[in-house]
Amino acid sequence: MFDLTLTFDNGPEPGVTPHVLDILRERGIKSTFFVIGEKLGDPERRRLAARAHDEGHWIGNHTFTHTVPLGQQRGAETAQNEIGRTQAAIGELAHPYRWFRPFGGGGNLDERLLKPSVVEYLTRHKHSCVLWNAIPRDWDDADGWVERALSQCLSQPWSLMVLHDLPSGAMAHLERFIDRAEKAGARFRQDFPPECVPIRSGKIVKSIEPYVSSIEESANQ
């Protein structure tokens, strides 16, 4: 037996997110959708986020533009531009814990994720920072990710998995993955492993040093 929390990044996408939501509803699985802020400016995508919320999924913040990892951006307004604008776009769909997931330019868990001013922003605005410990690279291997995902699940007691509701074709295999995970002993849950949430409601509860760059210090020299 193992625990498994599914999360979906980079949506909503009209051609994919409805399919994902249908499968999750049929299987009784609740997840979190970490959305791109600028996508919520499109009414159809906004409706999809609202549907996910109404069906019991959590809506999280995955930056506004998803272009350059925050730890590699030199601008002083990075946090407001990428996190603040997205949180405003999420609006009433937000979870009380204000979930935020940084991105590492391909699943990297390193100093590309954050920088000091972003950490300060997250703590001041009482966000919770959600990382991950399972990333089967579905965006990179639309047909082969299921085997990798299962292997990652079986290697640890509780997996927080990053999938993507994007038009790559990968989500065509979501139901097959869920079937195989259940047969292997998965217990699906919506909450997150504590070690994957280093900032909770604005409090730093786990070391974040590995995820924070010194780009602002170098910019001032």
C-alpha atoms as a PDB file:
ATOM      1  CA  MET A   1       0.000   0.000   0.000  1.00  0.00           C
ATOM      2  CA  PHE A   2       1.112   3.543  -0.670  1.00  0.00           C
ATOM      3  CA  ASP A   3      -0.441   7.013  -0.597  1.00  0.00           C
ATOM      4  CA  LEU A   4      -0.768   9.095  -3.754  1.00  0.00           C
ATOM      5  CA  THR A   5      -1.724  12.736  -4.206  1.00  0.00           C
ATOM      6  CA  LEU A   6      -2.349  13.814  -7.794  1.00  0.00           C
ATOM      7  CA  THR A   7      -1.807  17.406  -8.890  1.00  0.00           C
ATOM      8  CA  PHE A   8      -2.175  18.993 -12.322  1.00  0.00           C
ATOM      9  CA  ASP A   9      -0.081  21.949 -13.481  1.00  0.00           C
ATOM     10  CA  ASN A  10      -0.189  24.513 -16.303  1.00  0.00           C
ATOM     11  CA  GLY A  11      -3.915  24.509 -17.143  1.00  0.00           C
ATOM     12  CA  PRO A  12      -6.748  24.970 -17.491  1.00  0.00           C
ATOM     13  CA  GLU A  13      -6.984  23.775 -21.093  1.00  0.00           C
ATOM     14  CA  PRO A  14     -10.391  23.402 -22.797  1.00  0.00           C
ATOM     15  CA  GLY A  15      -9.357  20.321 -24.777  1.00  0.00           C
ATOM     16  CA  VAL A  16      -7.875  18.454 -21.816  1.00  0.00           C
ATOM     17  CA  THR A  17      -9.057  19.644 -18.406  1.00  0.00           C
ATOM     18  CA  PRO A  18     -12.701  18.521 -18.917  1.00  0.00           C
ATOM     19  CA  HIS A  19     -11.457  14.982 -19.685  1.00  0.00           C
ATOM     20  CA  VAL A  20      -9.293  14.989 -16.549  1.00  0.00           C
ATOM     21  CA  LEU A  21     -12.169  16.285 -14.421  1.00  0.00           C
ATOM     22  CA  ASP A  22     -14.533  13.648 -15.824  1.00  0.00           C
ATOM     23  CA  ILE A  23     -12.120  10.835 -14.904  1.00  0.00           C
ATOM     24  CA  LEU A  24     -11.472  12.196 -11.414  1.00  0.00           C
ATOM     25  CA  ARG A  25     -15.204  12.550 -10.785  1.00  0.00           C
ATOM     26  CA  GLU A  26     -15.917   9.007 -11.992  1.00  0.00           C
ATOM     27  CA  ARG A  27     -13.189   7.619  -9.755  1.00  0.00           C
ATOM     28  CA  GLY A  28     -13.989   9.759  -6.722  1.00  0.00           C
ATOM     29  CA  ILE A  29     -10.499  11.299  -6.610  1.00  0.00           C
ATOM     30  CA  LYS A  30      -9.880  14.850  -5.403  1.00  0.00           C
ATOM     31  CA  SER A  31      -6.765  16.709  -6.557  1.00  0.00           C
ATOM     32  CA  THR A  32      -5.259  20.188  -6.886  1.00  0.00           C
ATOM     33  CA  PHE A  33      -5.025  22.175 -10.117  1.00  0.00           C
ATOM     34  CA  PHE A  34      -2.099  24.609 -10.106  1.00  0.00           C
ATOM     35  CA  VAL A  35      -3.223  27.112 -12.718  1.00  0.00           C
ATOM     36  CA  ILE A  36      -1.409  29.664 -14.878  1.00  0.00           C
ATOM     37  CA  GLY A  37      -2.715  33.127 -14.040  1.00  0.00           C
ATOM     38  CA  GLU A  38      -2.820  34.555 -17.544  1.00  0.00           C
ATOM     39  CA  LYS A  39      -4.934  31.610 -18.734  1.00  0.00           C
ATOM     40  CA  LEU A  40      -7.718  32.616 -16.353  1.00  0.00           C
ATOM     41  CA  GLY A  41      -8.244  35.760 -18.417  1.00  0.00           C
ATOM     42  CA  ASP A  42      -9.958  33.519 -20.973  1.00  0.00           C
ATOM     43  CA  PRO A  43     -13.625  32.982 -19.935  1.00  0.00           C
ATOM     44  CA  GLU A  44     -13.685  29.326 -20.997  1.00  0.00           C
ATOM     45  CA  ARG A  45     -10.573  28.520 -18.978  1.00  0.00           C
ATOM     46  CA  ARG A  46     -11.937  30.452 -16.024  1.00  0.00           C
ATOM     47  CA  ARG A  47     -15.102  28.343 -16.164  1.00  0.00           C
ATOM     48  CA  LEU A  48     -12.987  25.186 -16.085  1.00  0.00           C
ATOM     49  CA  ALA A  49     -11.195  26.377 -12.949  1.00  0.00           C
ATOM     50  CA  ALA A  50     -14.582  27.134 -11.399  1.00  0.00           C
ATOM     51  CA  ARG A  51     -15.848  23.663 -12.347  1.00  0.00           C
ATOM     52  CA  ALA A  52     -12.798  22.047 -10.730  1.00  0.00           C
ATOM     53  CA  HIS A  53     -13.387  24.082  -7.582  1.00  0.00           C
ATOM     54  CA  ASP A  54     -17.098  23.245  -7.517  1.00  0.00           C
ATOM     55  CA  GLU A  55     -16.288  19.531  -7.814  1.00  0.00           C
ATOM     56  CA  GLY A  56     -14.113  19.636  -4.715  1.00  0.00           C
ATOM     57  CA  HIS A  57     -10.656  20.119  -6.193  1.00  0.00           C
ATOM     58  CA  TRP A  58      -8.284  22.728  -4.819  1.00  0.00           C
ATOM     59  CA  ILE A  59      -7.095  25.584  -7.021  1.00  0.00           C
ATOM     60  CA  GLY A  60      -3.446  26.569  -6.632  1.00  0.00           C
ATOM     61  CA  ASN A  61      -1.215  29.304  -8.021  1.00  0.00           C
ATOM     62  CA  HIS A  62       1.463  28.322 -10.565  1.00  0.00           C
ATOM     63  CA  THR A  63       2.681  31.801 -11.563  1.00  0.00           C
ATOM     64  CA  PHE A  64       1.169  34.185 -14.097  1.00  0.00           C
ATOM     65  CA  THR A  65       3.305  33.579 -17.179  1.00  0.00           C
ATOM     66  CA  HIS A  66       5.261  30.348 -16.496  1.00  0.00           C
ATOM     67  CA  THR A  67       8.163  31.614 -18.573  1.00  0.00           C
ATOM     68  CA  VAL A  68      11.294  32.004 -16.427  1.00  0.00           C
ATOM     69  CA  PRO A  69      11.713  30.284 -13.021  1.00  0.00           C
ATOM     70  CA  LEU A  70      11.354  32.873 -10.257  1.00  0.00           C
ATOM     71  CA  GLY A  71      14.827  32.162  -8.908  1.00  0.00           C
ATOM     72  CA  GLN A  72      16.267  33.268 -12.254  1.00  0.00           C
ATOM     73  CA  GLN A  73      14.322  36.534 -12.542  1.00  0.00           C
ATOM     74  CA  ARG A  74      16.199  39.663 -11.491  1.00  0.00           C
ATOM     75  CA  GLY A  75      13.237  42.035 -11.348  1.00  0.00           C
ATOM     76  CA  ALA A  76      12.189  43.536  -8.015  1.00  0.00           C
ATOM     77  CA  GLU A  77       8.513  43.016  -8.883  1.00  0.00           C
ATOM     78  CA  THR A  78       8.806  39.320  -9.680  1.00  0.00           C
ATOM     79  CA  ALA A  79       6.629  38.137  -6.808  1.00  0.00           C
ATOM     80  CA  GLN A  80       3.799  40.587  -7.430  1.00  0.00           C
ATOM     81  CA  ASN A  81       3.885  40.051 -11.196  1.00  0.00           C
ATOM     82  CA  GLU A  82       3.901  36.270 -11.033  1.00  0.00           C
ATOM     83  CA  ILE A  83       2.242  35.340  -7.733  1.00  0.00           C
ATOM     84  CA  GLY A  84       0.137  38.357  -6.815  1.00  0.00           C
ATOM     85  CA  ARG A  85      -1.515  38.728 -10.203  1.00  0.00           C
ATOM     86  CA  THR A  86      -2.316  35.022 -10.314  1.00  0.00           C
ATOM     87  CA  GLN A  87      -3.826  35.034  -6.836  1.00  0.00           C
ATOM     88  CA  ALA A  88      -5.996  37.973  -7.849  1.00  0.00           C
ATOM     89  CA  ALA A  89      -7.110  36.061 -10.950  1.00  0.00           C
ATOM     90  CA  ILE A  90      -7.963  32.979  -8.870  1.00  0.00           C
ATOM     91  CA  GLY A  91     -10.027  35.174  -6.573  1.00  0.00           C
ATOM     92  CA  GLU A  92     -12.851  33.406  -4.768  1.00  0.00           C
ATOM     93  CA  LEU A  93     -11.672  30.024  -6.064  1.00  0.00           C
ATOM     94  CA  ALA A  94      -8.620  30.178  -3.782  1.00  0.00           C
ATOM     95  CA  HIS A  95      -8.042  27.673  -1.013  1.00  0.00           C
ATOM     96  CA  PRO A  96      -7.654  29.195   2.491  1.00  0.00           C
ATOM     97  CA  TYR A  97      -4.027  27.988   2.542  1.00  0.00           C
ATOM     98  CA  ARG A  98      -3.293  29.953  -0.667  1.00  0.00           C
ATOM     99  CA  TRP A  99      -1.389  27.098  -2.328  1.00  0.00           C
ATOM    100  CA  PHE A 100       1.506  28.220  -4.526  1.00  0.00           C
ATOM    101  CA  ARG A 101       3.709  25.967  -6.615  1.00  0.00           C
ATOM    102  CA  PRO A 102       6.876  27.389  -8.175  1.00  0.00           C
ATOM    103  CA  PHE A 103       8.259  25.859 -11.324  1.00  0.00           C
ATOM    104  CA  GLY A 104      11.796  24.796 -12.022  1.00  0.00           C
ATOM    105  CA  GLY A 105      11.988  24.835 -15.797  1.00  0.00           C
ATOM    106  CA  GLY A 106      11.458  21.097 -16.216  1.00  0.00           C
ATOM    107  CA  GLY A 107      10.750  19.701 -12.782  1.00  0.00           C
ATOM    108  CA  ASN A 108      13.993  20.799 -11.159  1.00  0.00           C
ATOM    109  CA  LEU A 109      13.966  20.967  -7.357  1.00  0.00           C
ATOM    110  CA  ASP A 110      16.785  23.458  -6.842  1.00  0.00           C
ATOM    111  CA  GLU A 111      17.588  27.145  -6.447  1.00  0.00           C
ATOM    112  CA  ARG A 112      15.738  28.011  -9.638  1.00  0.00           C
ATOM    113  CA  LEU A 113      12.458  27.822  -7.701  1.00  0.00           C
ATOM    114  CA  LEU A 114      12.634  30.865  -5.413  1.00  0.00           C
ATOM    115  CA  LYS A 115      14.651  33.940  -4.402  1.00  0.00           C
ATOM    116  CA  PRO A 116      14.648  35.928  -1.137  1.00  0.00           C
ATOM    117  CA  SER A 117      12.101  38.547  -2.200  1.00  0.00           C
ATOM    118  CA  VAL A 118       9.735  35.781  -3.343  1.00  0.00           C
ATOM    119  CA  VAL A 119      10.093  33.990  -0.008  1.00  0.00           C
ATOM    120  CA  GLU A 120       9.383  37.265   1.774  1.00  0.00           C
ATOM    121  CA  TYR A 121       6.285  37.768  -0.369  1.00  0.00           C
ATOM    122  CA  LEU A 122       5.013  34.254   0.303  1.00  0.00           C
ATOM    123  CA  THR A 123       5.420  34.638   4.050  1.00  0.00           C
ATOM    124  CA  ARG A 124       3.947  38.145   4.167  1.00  0.00           C
ATOM    125  CA  HIS A 125       0.869  37.135   2.180  1.00  0.00           C
ATOM    126  CA  LYS A 126       0.467  33.844   4.071  1.00  0.00           C
ATOM    127  CA  HIS A 127       0.909  31.563   1.087  1.00  0.00           C
ATOM    128  CA  SER A 128       1.773  27.870   1.330  1.00  0.00           C
ATOM    129  CA  CYS A 129       4.531  26.641  -0.990  1.00  0.00           C
ATOM    130  CA  VAL A 130       3.848  23.190  -2.462  1.00  0.00           C
ATOM    131  CA  LEU A 131       6.705  21.252  -4.076  1.00  0.00           C
ATOM    132  CA  TRP A 132       6.653  17.584  -5.202  1.00  0.00           C
ATOM    133  CA  ASN A 133       8.461  14.256  -4.948  1.00  0.00           C
ATOM    134  CA  ALA A 134       7.210  12.477  -8.072  1.00  0.00           C
ATOM    135  CA  ILE A 135       7.505  13.887 -11.570  1.00  0.00           C
ATOM    136  CA  PRO A 136       7.069  11.324 -14.359  1.00  0.00           C
ATOM    137  CA  ARG A 137       7.706  13.923 -17.096  1.00  0.00           C
ATOM    138  CA  ASP A 138       4.404  13.381 -18.869  1.00  0.00           C
ATOM    139  CA  TRP A 139       5.036  16.514 -20.949  1.00  0.00           C
ATOM    140  CA  ASP A 140       8.218  14.941 -22.295  1.00  0.00           C
ATOM    141  CA  ASP A 141       6.921  11.411 -22.907  1.00  0.00           C
ATOM    142  CA  ALA A 142       3.180  11.452 -23.550  1.00  0.00           C
ATOM    143  CA  ASP A 143       2.891   7.685 -24.028  1.00  0.00           C
ATOM    144  CA  GLY A 144       5.588   6.331 -21.705  1.00  0.00           C
ATOM    145  CA  TRP A 145       5.046   8.284 -18.496  1.00  0.00           C
ATOM    146  CA  VAL A 146       2.736   5.736 -16.834  1.00  0.00           C
ATOM    147  CA  GLU A 147       5.486   3.183 -16.164  1.00  0.00           C
ATOM    148  CA  ARG A 148       7.751   5.878 -14.722  1.00  0.00           C
ATOM    149  CA  ALA A 149       4.932   7.202 -12.543  1.00  0.00           C
ATOM    150  CA  LEU A 150       4.183   3.756 -11.144  1.00  0.00           C
ATOM    151  CA  SER A 151       7.833   3.158 -10.406  1.00  0.00           C
ATOM    152  CA  GLN A 152       8.055   6.446  -8.514  1.00  0.00           C
ATOM    153  CA  CYS A 153       4.931   5.597  -6.486  1.00  0.00           C
ATOM    154  CA  LEU A 154       6.270   2.187  -5.506  1.00  0.00           C
ATOM    155  CA  SER A 155       9.585   3.660  -4.350  1.00  0.00           C
ATOM    156  CA  GLN A 156       8.171   5.760  -1.490  1.00  0.00           C
ATOM    157  CA  PRO A 157       5.288   5.709   1.010  1.00  0.00           C
ATOM    158  CA  TRP A 158       3.563   8.907  -0.162  1.00  0.00           C
ATOM    159  CA  SER A 159       3.949  10.435  -3.622  1.00  0.00           C
ATOM    160  CA  LEU A 160       2.951  13.989  -4.486  1.00  0.00           C
ATOM    161  CA  MET A 161       2.823  13.686  -8.255  1.00  0.00           C
ATOM    162  CA  VAL A 162       2.975  16.447 -10.849  1.00  0.00           C
ATOM    163  CA  LEU A 163       0.993  15.824 -14.029  1.00  0.00           C
ATOM    164  CA  HIS A 164      -0.059  18.371 -16.645  1.00  0.00           C
ATOM    165  CA  ASP A 165      -3.519  18.985 -18.096  1.00  0.00           C
ATOM    166  CA  LEU A 166      -1.984  20.134 -21.368  1.00  0.00           C
ATOM    167  CA  PRO A 167      -2.720  19.065 -24.977  1.00  0.00           C
ATOM    168  CA  SER A 168       0.313  16.760 -25.208  1.00  0.00           C
ATOM    169  CA  GLY A 169      -1.716  13.570 -25.412  1.00  0.00           C
ATOM    170  CA  ALA A 170      -0.423  12.393 -22.033  1.00  0.00           C
ATOM    171  CA  MET A 171      -3.763  12.613 -20.256  1.00  0.00           C
ATOM    172  CA  ALA A 172      -5.202  10.041 -22.646  1.00  0.00           C
ATOM    173  CA  HIS A 173      -3.392   7.569 -20.372  1.00  0.00           C
ATOM    174  CA  LEU A 174      -4.618   9.015 -17.057  1.00  0.00           C
ATOM    175  CA  GLU A 175      -7.330   6.432 -16.511  1.00  0.00           C
ATOM    176  CA  ARG A 176      -4.934   3.589 -17.270  1.00  0.00           C
ATOM    177  CA  PHE A 177      -2.476   5.012 -14.745  1.00  0.00           C
ATOM    178  CA  ILE A 178      -5.169   5.276 -12.062  1.00  0.00           C
ATOM    179  CA  ASP A 179      -6.258   1.685 -12.731  1.00  0.00           C
ATOM    180  CA  ARG A 180      -2.736   0.372 -12.433  1.00  0.00           C
ATOM    181  CA  ALA A 181      -1.971   2.474  -9.350  1.00  0.00           C
ATOM    182  CA  GLU A 182      -5.086   1.170  -7.610  1.00  0.00           C
ATOM    183  CA  LYS A 183      -4.169  -2.417  -8.415  1.00  0.00           C
ATOM    184  CA  ALA A 184      -0.704  -1.760  -6.991  1.00  0.00           C
ATOM    185  CA  GLY A 185      -2.211  -0.562  -3.708  1.00  0.00           C
ATOM    186  CA  ALA A 186      -2.619   3.201  -4.097  1.00  0.00           C
ATOM    187  CA  ARG A 187      -4.678   5.144  -1.591  1.00  0.00           C
ATOM    188  CA  PHE A 188      -5.603   8.432  -3.226  1.00  0.00           C
ATOM    189  CA  ARG A 189      -5.678  11.505  -1.036  1.00  0.00           C
ATOM    190  CA  GLN A 190      -5.904  15.260  -1.582  1.00  0.00           C
ATOM    191  CA  ASP A 191      -3.548  16.612   1.067  1.00  0.00           C
ATOM    192  CA  PHE A 192       0.210  16.917   0.668  1.00  0.00           C
ATOM    193  CA  PRO A 193       3.164  15.154   2.325  1.00  0.00           C
ATOM    194  CA  PRO A 194       4.517  17.574   4.976  1.00  0.00           C
ATOM    195  CA  GLU A 195       8.047  17.382   3.555  1.00  0.00           C
ATOM    196  CA  CYS A 196       6.720  18.831   0.267  1.00  0.00           C
ATOM    197  CA  VAL A 197       5.255  21.961   1.924  1.00  0.00           C
ATOM    198  CA  PRO A 198       8.215  23.977   3.271  1.00  0.00           C
ATOM    199  CA  ILE A 199       6.096  27.117   3.737  1.00  0.00           C
ATOM    200  CA  ARG A 200       2.616  26.737   5.240  1.00  0.00           C
ATOM    201  CA  SER A 201       0.273  29.701   5.689  1.00  0.00           C
ATOM    202  CA  GLY A 202       3.228  32.066   5.600  1.00  0.00           C
ATOM    203  CA  LYS A 203       5.380  30.158   8.092  1.00  0.00           C
ATOM    204  CA  ILE A 204       8.619  28.493   7.026  1.00  0.00           C
ATOM    205  CA  VAL A 205       8.295  25.002   8.506  1.00  0.00           C
ATOM    206  CA  LYS A 206      11.074  23.207   6.620  1.00  0.00           C
ATOM    207  CA  SER A 207      14.438  24.304   5.265  1.00  0.00           C
ATOM    208  CA  ILE A 208      14.063  26.195   1.994  1.00  0.00           C
ATOM    209  CA  GLU A 209      17.747  26.957   1.420  1.00  0.00           C
ATOM    210  CA  PRO A 210      18.117  24.405  -1.421  1.00  0.00           C
ATOM    211  CA  TYR A 211      15.379  26.199  -3.369  1.00  0.00           C
ATOM    212  CA  VAL A 212      16.464  29.850  -2.990  1.00  0.00           C
ATOM    213  CA  SER A 213      18.860  31.540  -5.399  1.00  0.00           C
ATOM    214  CA  SER A 214      21.248  34.404  -4.673  1.00  0.00           C
ATOM    215  CA  ILE A 215      20.396  36.217  -7.908  1.00  0.00           C
ATOM    216  CA  GLU A 216      19.353  39.382  -6.063  1.00  0.00           C
ATOM    217  CA  GLU A 217      22.646  39.546  -4.190  1.00  0.00           C
ATOM    218  CA  SER A 218      24.603  39.222  -7.436  1.00  0.00           C
ATOM    219  CA  ALA A 219      22.415  41.882  -9.055  1.00  0.00           C
ATOM    220  CA  ASN A 220      23.346  44.358  -6.301  1.00  0.00           C
ATOM    221  CA  GLN A 221      27.096  43.832  -6.495  1.00  0.00           C
END
